C-alpha atoms as a PDB file:
ATOM      1  CA  UNK A   1     -76.030   9.947 -35.706  1.00  0.00           C
ATOM      2  CA  UNK A   2     -75.490  13.395 -34.512  1.00  0.00           C
ATOM      3  CA  UNK A   3     -73.414  13.636 -31.311  1.00  0.00           C
ATOM      4  CA  UNK A   4     -74.536  16.591 -29.267  1.00  0.00           C
ATOM      5  CA  UNK A   5     -72.158  18.659 -27.108  1.00  0.00           C
ATOM      6  CA  UNK A   6     -73.144  21.419 -24.651  1.00  0.00           C
ATOM      7  CA  UNK A   7     -70.448  23.857 -25.699  1.00  0.00           C
ATOM      8  CA  UNK A   8     -67.977  24.469 -28.563  1.00  0.00           C
ATOM      9  CA  UNK A   9     -65.181  23.620 -26.163  1.00  0.00           C
ATOM     10  CA  UNK A  10     -66.739  20.248 -25.322  1.00  0.00           C
ATOM     11  CA  UNK A  11     -67.061  19.535 -28.979  1.00  0.00           C
ATOM     12  CA  UNK A  12     -63.525  20.502 -29.757  1.00  0.00           C
ATOM     13  CA  UNK A  13     -62.270  18.338 -26.936  1.00  0.00           C
ATOM     14  CA  UNK A  14     -64.054  15.296 -28.302  1.00  0.00           C
ATOM     15  CA  UNK A  15     -63.017  15.905 -31.866  1.00  0.00           C
ATOM     16  CA  UNK A  16     -59.426  16.366 -31.007  1.00  0.00           C
ATOM     17  CA  UNK A  17     -59.463  13.191 -28.896  1.00  0.00           C
ATOM     18  CA  UNK A  18     -60.929  11.379 -31.827  1.00  0.00           C
ATOM     19  CA  UNK A  19     -58.634  12.623 -34.422  1.00  0.00           C
ATOM     20  CA  UNK A  20     -55.566  12.096 -32.214  1.00  0.00           C
ATOM     21  CA  UNK A  21     -56.638   8.442 -31.678  1.00  0.00           C
ATOM     22  CA  UNK A  22     -56.786   7.859 -35.411  1.00  0.00           C
ATOM     23  CA  UNK A  23     -53.355   9.530 -35.998  1.00  0.00           C
ATOM     24  CA  UNK A  24     -51.749   7.421 -33.178  1.00  0.00           C
ATOM     25  CA  UNK A  25     -53.277   4.245 -34.900  1.00  0.00           C
ATOM     26  CA  UNK A  26     -51.820   5.223 -38.179  1.00  0.00           C
ATOM     27  CA  UNK A  27     -48.338   5.918 -36.671  1.00  0.00           C
ATOM     28  CA  UNK A  28     -48.541   2.401 -35.000  1.00  0.00           C
ATOM     29  CA  UNK A  29     -49.594   0.515 -38.067  1.00  0.00           C
ATOM     30  CA  UNK A  30     -47.869   2.351 -40.904  1.00  0.00           C
ATOM     31  CA  UNK A  31     -45.235   4.459 -39.284  1.00  0.00           C
ATOM     32  CA  UNK A  32     -46.809   7.607 -40.469  1.00  0.00           C
ATOM     33  CA  UNK A  33     -50.181   9.308 -40.427  1.00  0.00           C
ATOM     34  CA  UNK A  34     -52.109  11.707 -42.551  1.00  0.00           C
ATOM     35  CA  UNK A  35     -54.715  14.393 -41.572  1.00  0.00           C
ATOM     36  CA  UNK A  36     -57.065  16.326 -43.780  1.00  0.00           C
ATOM     37  CA  UNK A  37     -57.690  19.599 -42.082  1.00  0.00           C
ATOM     38  CA  UNK A  38     -60.333  22.152 -42.879  1.00  0.00           C
ATOM     39  CA  UNK A  39     -60.790  25.871 -42.810  1.00  0.00           C
ATOM     40  CA  UNK A  40     -63.666  28.098 -41.504  1.00  0.00           C
ATOM     41  CA  UNK A  41     -64.771  28.789 -37.918  1.00  0.00           C
ATOM     42  CA  UNK A  42     -65.434  25.119 -36.844  1.00  0.00           C
ATOM     43  CA  UNK A  43     -61.904  23.713 -36.284  1.00  0.00           C
ATOM     44  CA  UNK A  44     -59.931  26.388 -34.531  1.00  0.00           C
ATOM     45  CA  UNK A  45     -60.553  24.935 -31.076  1.00  0.00           C
ATOM     46  CA  UNK A  46     -59.825  21.366 -32.319  1.00  0.00           C
ATOM     47  CA  UNK A  47     -56.445  22.526 -33.635  1.00  0.00           C
ATOM     48  CA  UNK A  48     -55.603  24.295 -30.369  1.00  0.00           C
ATOM     49  CA  UNK A  49     -56.048  20.978 -28.570  1.00  0.00           C
ATOM     50  CA  UNK A  50     -54.627  18.631 -31.229  1.00  0.00           C
ATOM     51  CA  UNK A  51     -51.287  20.478 -31.153  1.00  0.00           C
ATOM     52  CA  UNK A  52     -50.754  19.205 -27.575  1.00  0.00           C
ATOM     53  CA  UNK A  53     -51.775  15.621 -28.433  1.00  0.00           C
ATOM     54  CA  UNK A  54     -49.236  12.984 -27.508  1.00  0.00           C
ATOM     55  CA  UNK A  55     -48.337  11.781 -31.087  1.00  0.00           C
ATOM     56  CA  UNK A  56     -45.151  12.020 -33.081  1.00  0.00           C
ATOM     57  CA  UNK A  57     -46.013  15.082 -35.167  1.00  0.00           C
ATOM     58  CA  UNK A  58     -42.700  14.756 -37.050  1.00  0.00           C
ATOM     59  CA  UNK A  59     -44.226  11.697 -38.858  1.00  0.00           C
ATOM     60  CA  UNK A  60     -47.633  13.321 -39.618  1.00  0.00           C
ATOM     61  CA  UNK A  61     -48.485  14.959 -42.893  1.00  0.00           C
ATOM     62  CA  UNK A  62     -51.437  17.480 -42.973  1.00  0.00           C
ATOM     63  CA  UNK A  63     -53.207  18.418 -46.088  1.00  0.00           C
ATOM     64  CA  UNK A  64     -56.490  20.372 -46.604  1.00  0.00           C
ATOM     65  CA  UNK A  65     -60.015  19.527 -47.621  1.00  0.00           C
ATOM     66  CA  UNK A  66     -60.103  22.489 -49.905  1.00  0.00           C
ATOM     67  CA  UNK A  67     -58.216  25.808 -50.504  1.00  0.00           C
ATOM     68  CA  UNK A  68     -58.905  29.191 -52.006  1.00  0.00           C
ATOM     69  CA  UNK A  69     -56.469  30.145 -54.797  1.00  0.00           C
ATOM     70  CA  UNK A  70     -54.876  33.008 -52.878  1.00  0.00           C
ATOM     71  CA  UNK A  71     -51.362  33.482 -51.436  1.00  0.00           C
ATOM     72  CA  UNK A  72     -50.562  31.397 -48.389  1.00  0.00           C
ATOM     73  CA  UNK A  73     -50.435  34.530 -46.035  1.00  0.00           C
ATOM     74  CA  UNK A  74     -53.876  35.762 -47.283  1.00  0.00           C
ATOM     75  CA  UNK A  75     -56.557  36.041 -44.640  1.00  0.00           C
ATOM     76  CA  UNK A  76     -58.697  33.826 -46.769  1.00  0.00           C
ATOM     77  CA  UNK A  77     -56.106  30.987 -46.955  1.00  0.00           C
ATOM     78  CA  UNK A  78     -57.157  27.836 -45.129  1.00  0.00           C
ATOM     79  CA  UNK A  79     -53.386  26.775 -44.926  1.00  0.00           C
ATOM     80  CA  UNK A  80     -52.769  30.058 -42.920  1.00  0.00           C
ATOM     81  CA  UNK A  81     -55.395  29.008 -40.438  1.00  0.00           C
ATOM     82  CA  UNK A  82     -53.683  25.596 -40.097  1.00  0.00           C
ATOM     83  CA  UNK A  83     -50.340  27.085 -39.706  1.00  0.00           C
ATOM     84  CA  UNK A  84     -51.426  29.579 -37.132  1.00  0.00           C
ATOM     85  CA  UNK A  85     -53.590  27.155 -34.907  1.00  0.00           C
ATOM     86  CA  UNK A  86     -52.214  23.660 -35.473  1.00  0.00           C
ATOM     87  CA  UNK A  87     -48.537  24.188 -36.479  1.00  0.00           C
ATOM     88  CA  UNK A  88     -47.551  25.516 -32.976  1.00  0.00           C
ATOM     89  CA  UNK A  89     -45.909  23.756 -30.059  1.00  0.00           C
ATOM     90  CA  UNK A  90     -45.307  20.114 -30.924  1.00  0.00           C
ATOM     91  CA  UNK A  91     -47.567  20.458 -33.889  1.00  0.00           C
ATOM     92  CA  UNK A  92     -44.961  22.623 -35.731  1.00  0.00           C
ATOM     93  CA  UNK A  93     -43.060  19.395 -36.350  1.00  0.00           C
ATOM     94  CA  UNK A  94     -45.751  18.213 -38.765  1.00  0.00           C
ATOM     95  CA  UNK A  95     -45.494  18.452 -42.524  1.00  0.00           C
ATOM     96  CA  UNK A  96     -47.849  20.470 -44.577  1.00  0.00           C
ATOM     97  CA  UNK A  97     -48.991  19.479 -48.148  1.00  0.00           C
ATOM     98  CA  UNK A  98     -50.759  22.454 -49.544  1.00  0.00           C
ATOM     99  CA  UNK A  99     -53.494  22.183 -52.132  1.00  0.00           C
ATOM    100  CA  UNK A 100     -52.619  25.535 -53.701  1.00  0.00           C
ATOM    101  CA  UNK A 101     -50.352  25.672 -55.720  1.00  0.00           C
ATOM    102  CA  UNK A 102     -51.585  22.222 -56.751  1.00  0.00           C
ATOM    103  CA  UNK A 103     -49.404  19.378 -55.225  1.00  0.00           C
ATOM    104  CA  UNK A 104     -47.150  17.298 -57.404  1.00  0.00           C
ATOM    105  CA  UNK A 105     -48.606  14.443 -59.244  1.00  0.00           C
ATOM    106  CA  UNK A 106     -48.971  11.323 -56.849  1.00  0.00           C
ATOM    107  CA  UNK A 107     -48.631  13.423 -53.686  1.00  0.00           C
ATOM    108  CA  UNK A 108     -52.143  12.952 -52.474  1.00  0.00           C
ATOM    109  CA  UNK A 109     -52.315   9.417 -53.587  1.00  0.00           C
ATOM    110  CA  UNK A 110     -49.328   8.617 -51.345  1.00  0.00           C
ATOM    111  CA  UNK A 111     -51.215   9.680 -48.223  1.00  0.00           C
ATOM    112  CA  UNK A 112     -54.232   7.443 -48.798  1.00  0.00           C
ATOM    113  CA  UNK A 113     -55.947   6.235 -46.816  1.00  0.00           C
ATOM    114  CA  UNK A 114     -56.127   9.378 -44.749  1.00  0.00           C
ATOM    115  CA  UNK A 115     -56.235   8.620 -41.049  1.00  0.00           C
ATOM    116  CA  UNK A 116     -58.628  11.338 -40.292  1.00  0.00           C
ATOM    117  CA  UNK A 117     -60.691  13.887 -42.334  1.00  0.00           C
ATOM    118  CA  UNK A 118     -62.039  17.033 -40.741  1.00  0.00           C
ATOM    119  CA  UNK A 119     -64.869  18.803 -42.396  1.00  0.00           C
ATOM    120  CA  UNK A 120     -67.014  21.775 -41.755  1.00  0.00           C
ATOM    121  CA  UNK A 121     -70.474  22.420 -43.449  1.00  0.00           C
ATOM    122  CA  UNK A 122     -72.099  25.332 -44.891  1.00  0.00           C
ATOM    123  CA  UNK A 123     -75.888  26.034 -44.530  1.00  0.00           C
ATOM    124  CA  UNK A 124     -76.399  24.987 -48.195  1.00  0.00           C
ATOM    125  CA  UNK A 125     -74.902  21.640 -47.178  1.00  0.00           C
ATOM    126  CA  UNK A 126     -71.627  21.942 -48.837  1.00  0.00           C
ATOM    127  CA  UNK A 127     -68.492  20.285 -47.430  1.00  0.00           C
ATOM    128  CA  UNK A 128     -64.985  21.105 -48.470  1.00  0.00           C
ATOM    129  CA  UNK A 129     -65.723  23.133 -51.725  1.00  0.00           C
ATOM    130  CA  UNK A 130     -68.126  20.654 -53.001  1.00  0.00           C
ATOM    131  CA  UNK A 131     -71.071  23.167 -53.510  1.00  0.00           C
ATOM    132  CA  UNK A 132     -74.457  22.004 -54.666  1.00  0.00           C
ATOM    133  CA  UNK A 133     -73.923  23.448 -58.099  1.00  0.00           C
ATOM    134  CA  UNK A 134     -70.140  22.628 -58.477  1.00  0.00           C
ATOM    135  CA  UNK A 135     -69.125  20.150 -61.151  1.00  0.00           C
ATOM    136  CA  UNK A 136     -66.522  18.885 -58.713  1.00  0.00           C
ATOM    137  CA  UNK A 137     -69.378  17.209 -56.688  1.00  0.00           C
ATOM    138  CA  UNK A 138     -69.840  14.802 -59.597  1.00  0.00           C
ATOM    139  CA  UNK A 139     -66.148  13.805 -59.871  1.00  0.00           C
ATOM    140  CA  UNK A 140     -65.852   9.992 -59.647  1.00  0.00           C
ATOM    141  CA  UNK A 141     -62.060   9.353 -60.214  1.00  0.00           C
ATOM    142  CA  UNK A 142     -59.793  12.304 -59.484  1.00  0.00           C
ATOM    143  CA  UNK A 143     -58.862  13.163 -55.887  1.00  0.00           C
ATOM    144  CA  UNK A 144     -58.892  16.801 -56.395  1.00  0.00           C
ATOM    145  CA  UNK A 145     -60.747  19.309 -58.724  1.00  0.00           C
ATOM    146  CA  UNK A 146     -60.902  22.991 -59.462  1.00  0.00           C
ATOM    147  CA  UNK A 147     -63.920  25.030 -58.444  1.00  0.00           C
ATOM    148  CA  UNK A 148     -64.357  28.282 -60.561  1.00  0.00           C
ATOM    149  CA  UNK A 149     -64.875  31.772 -59.182  1.00  0.00           C
ATOM    150  CA  UNK A 150     -68.393  32.675 -58.095  1.00  0.00           C
ATOM    151  CA  UNK A 151     -69.282  29.915 -55.648  1.00  0.00           C
ATOM    152  CA  UNK A 152     -68.968  30.165 -51.850  1.00  0.00           C
ATOM    153  CA  UNK A 153     -68.001  33.085 -49.718  1.00  0.00           C
ATOM    154  CA  UNK A 154     -65.725  34.620 -50.584  1.00  0.00           C
ATOM    155  CA  UNK A 155     -66.447  33.799 -54.277  1.00  0.00           C
ATOM    156  CA  UNK A 156     -62.863  32.964 -55.087  1.00  0.00           C
ATOM    157  CA  UNK A 157     -61.581  30.140 -57.341  1.00  0.00           C
ATOM    158  CA  UNK A 158     -60.601  27.129 -55.291  1.00  0.00           C
ATOM    159  CA  UNK A 159     -59.293  23.566 -55.371  1.00  0.00           C
ATOM    160  CA  UNK A 160     -61.071  20.920 -53.384  1.00  0.00           C
ATOM    161  CA  UNK A 161     -60.724  17.243 -52.527  1.00  0.00           C
ATOM    162  CA  UNK A 162     -63.336  15.076 -54.187  1.00  0.00           C
ATOM    163  CA  UNK A 163     -65.744  12.585 -52.759  1.00  0.00           C
ATOM    164  CA  UNK A 164     -63.388   9.676 -53.942  1.00  0.00           C
ATOM    165  CA  UNK A 165     -60.636  11.262 -51.854  1.00  0.00           C
ATOM    166  CA  UNK A 166     -62.571  12.273 -48.754  1.00  0.00           C
ATOM    167  CA  UNK A 167     -64.074   8.699 -48.474  1.00  0.00           C
ATOM    168  CA  UNK A 168     -60.629   7.051 -48.537  1.00  0.00           C
ATOM    169  CA  UNK A 169     -60.183   7.581 -44.876  1.00  0.00           C
ATOM    170  CA  UNK A 170     -60.185   5.719 -41.616  1.00  0.00           C
ATOM    171  CA  UNK A 171     -62.685   8.228 -40.091  1.00  0.00           C
ATOM    172  CA  UNK A 172     -64.434  11.478 -41.182  1.00  0.00           C
ATOM    173  CA  UNK A 173     -65.439  14.117 -38.538  1.00  0.00           C
ATOM    174  CA  UNK A 174     -68.104  16.686 -39.576  1.00  0.00           C
ATOM    175  CA  UNK A 175     -68.162  19.640 -37.177  1.00  0.00           C
ATOM    176  CA  UNK A 176     -71.310  21.800 -37.014  1.00  0.00           C
ATOM    177  CA  UNK A 177     -72.661  24.448 -34.756  1.00  0.00           C
ATOM    178  CA  UNK A 178     -76.059  26.067 -34.322  1.00  0.00           C
ATOM    179  CA  UNK A 179     -79.733  24.978 -35.049  1.00  0.00           C
ATOM    180  CA  UNK A 180     -79.618  25.875 -38.651  1.00  0.00           C
ATOM    181  CA  UNK A 181     -76.772  23.542 -39.576  1.00  0.00           C
ATOM    182  CA  UNK A 182     -78.201  20.825 -37.411  1.00  0.00           C
ATOM    183  CA  UNK A 183     -81.474  21.160 -39.445  1.00  0.00           C
ATOM    184  CA  UNK A 184     -79.481  20.880 -42.712  1.00  0.00           C
ATOM    185  CA  UNK A 185     -77.829  17.606 -41.521  1.00  0.00           C
ATOM    186  CA  UNK A 186     -81.203  16.237 -40.419  1.00  0.00           C
ATOM    187  CA  UNK A 187     -82.627  17.066 -43.907  1.00  0.00           C
ATOM    188  CA  UNK A 188     -79.765  15.393 -45.622  1.00  0.00           C
ATOM    189  CA  UNK A 189     -80.150  12.187 -43.448  1.00  0.00           C
ATOM    190  CA  UNK A 190     -83.861  12.260 -44.287  1.00  0.00           C
ATOM    191  CA  UNK A 191     -83.098  12.258 -48.001  1.00  0.00           C
ATOM    192  CA  UNK A 192     -82.438  15.783 -49.324  1.00  0.00           C
ATOM    193  CA  UNK A 193     -79.843  15.511 -52.046  1.00  0.00           C
ATOM    194  CA  UNK A 194     -77.320  17.999 -50.442  1.00  0.00           C
ATOM    195  CA  UNK A 195     -73.562  17.598 -50.829  1.00  0.00           C
ATOM    196  CA  UNK A 196     -73.158  16.540 -47.099  1.00  0.00           C
ATOM    197  CA  UNK A 197     -75.573  13.641 -47.706  1.00  0.00           C
ATOM    198  CA  UNK A 198     -72.908  11.958 -50.020  1.00  0.00           C
ATOM    199  CA  UNK A 199     -70.670  11.830 -46.975  1.00  0.00           C
ATOM    200  CA  UNK A 200     -73.304  10.806 -44.412  1.00  0.00           C
ATOM    201  CA  UNK A 201     -74.887   7.865 -46.240  1.00  0.00           C
ATOM    202  CA  UNK A 202     -71.865   6.312 -47.881  1.00  0.00           C
ATOM    203  CA  UNK A 203     -70.569   2.961 -46.487  1.00  0.00           C
ATOM    204  CA  UNK A 204     -66.918   3.256 -47.176  1.00  0.00           C
ATOM    205  CA  UNK A 205     -65.708   5.183 -43.970  1.00  0.00           C
ATOM    206  CA  UNK A 206     -67.141   5.878 -40.610  1.00  0.00           C
ATOM    207  CA  UNK A 207     -68.529   9.305 -40.102  1.00  0.00           C
ATOM    208  CA  UNK A 208     -68.970  11.226 -36.815  1.00  0.00           C
ATOM    209  CA  UNK A 209     -71.175  14.320 -36.925  1.00  0.00           C
ATOM    210  CA  UNK A 210     -70.427  16.526 -33.908  1.00  0.00           C
ATOM    211  CA  UNK A 211     -72.761  19.370 -33.007  1.00  0.00           C
ATOM    212  CA  UNK A 212     -72.767  22.251 -30.452  1.00  0.00           C
ATOM    213  CA  UNK A 213     -75.011  25.275 -30.010  1.00  0.00           C
ATOM    214  CA  UNK A 214     -73.800  28.512 -31.831  1.00  0.00           C
ATOM    215  CA  UNK A 215     -71.250  30.324 -29.722  1.00  0.00           C
END
């Protein structure tokens, strides 16, 4: 299940191609498309390539898998990363639906199903801000949930999409790098009850796990 790439650049190219294909499909079938972006170190190269994709960015809405409760220009803001790396060139024509402050009622629902979901993963197996000890991991109905201070690094309060939201998608892309994270995914596939396992073993949406060596 783990796709192996020789370099981070090759992984980014493959992920960007896959995401762009799903966005193009959404534009063709629905007249619009929705992308769930993620923060961290994994997606920067993907965003650099996506911004040059031949899609109508003006009809694409981008939201986030999770967000820290910080101002939008804070270095810890995932929205800031997306604005700086994806919302450039043609990508600046896209529309951003932030998670913080919390979006208006019904705004997330209107995007479903997401055309593509990008996720990173921590060495504890968390995806988005669904940490092993977070109550949000057990949410079965709401599309988003609050995560209190003290979890994750930095240990800030957060808002995260839930499993019911992340699995209402046409395709999920999990980006990982390094031997340690590959081992975490292998453990999850083998049965360890880590948060990422909830994404990997569900049967609602196709999942691609893309791995490259640490760079």
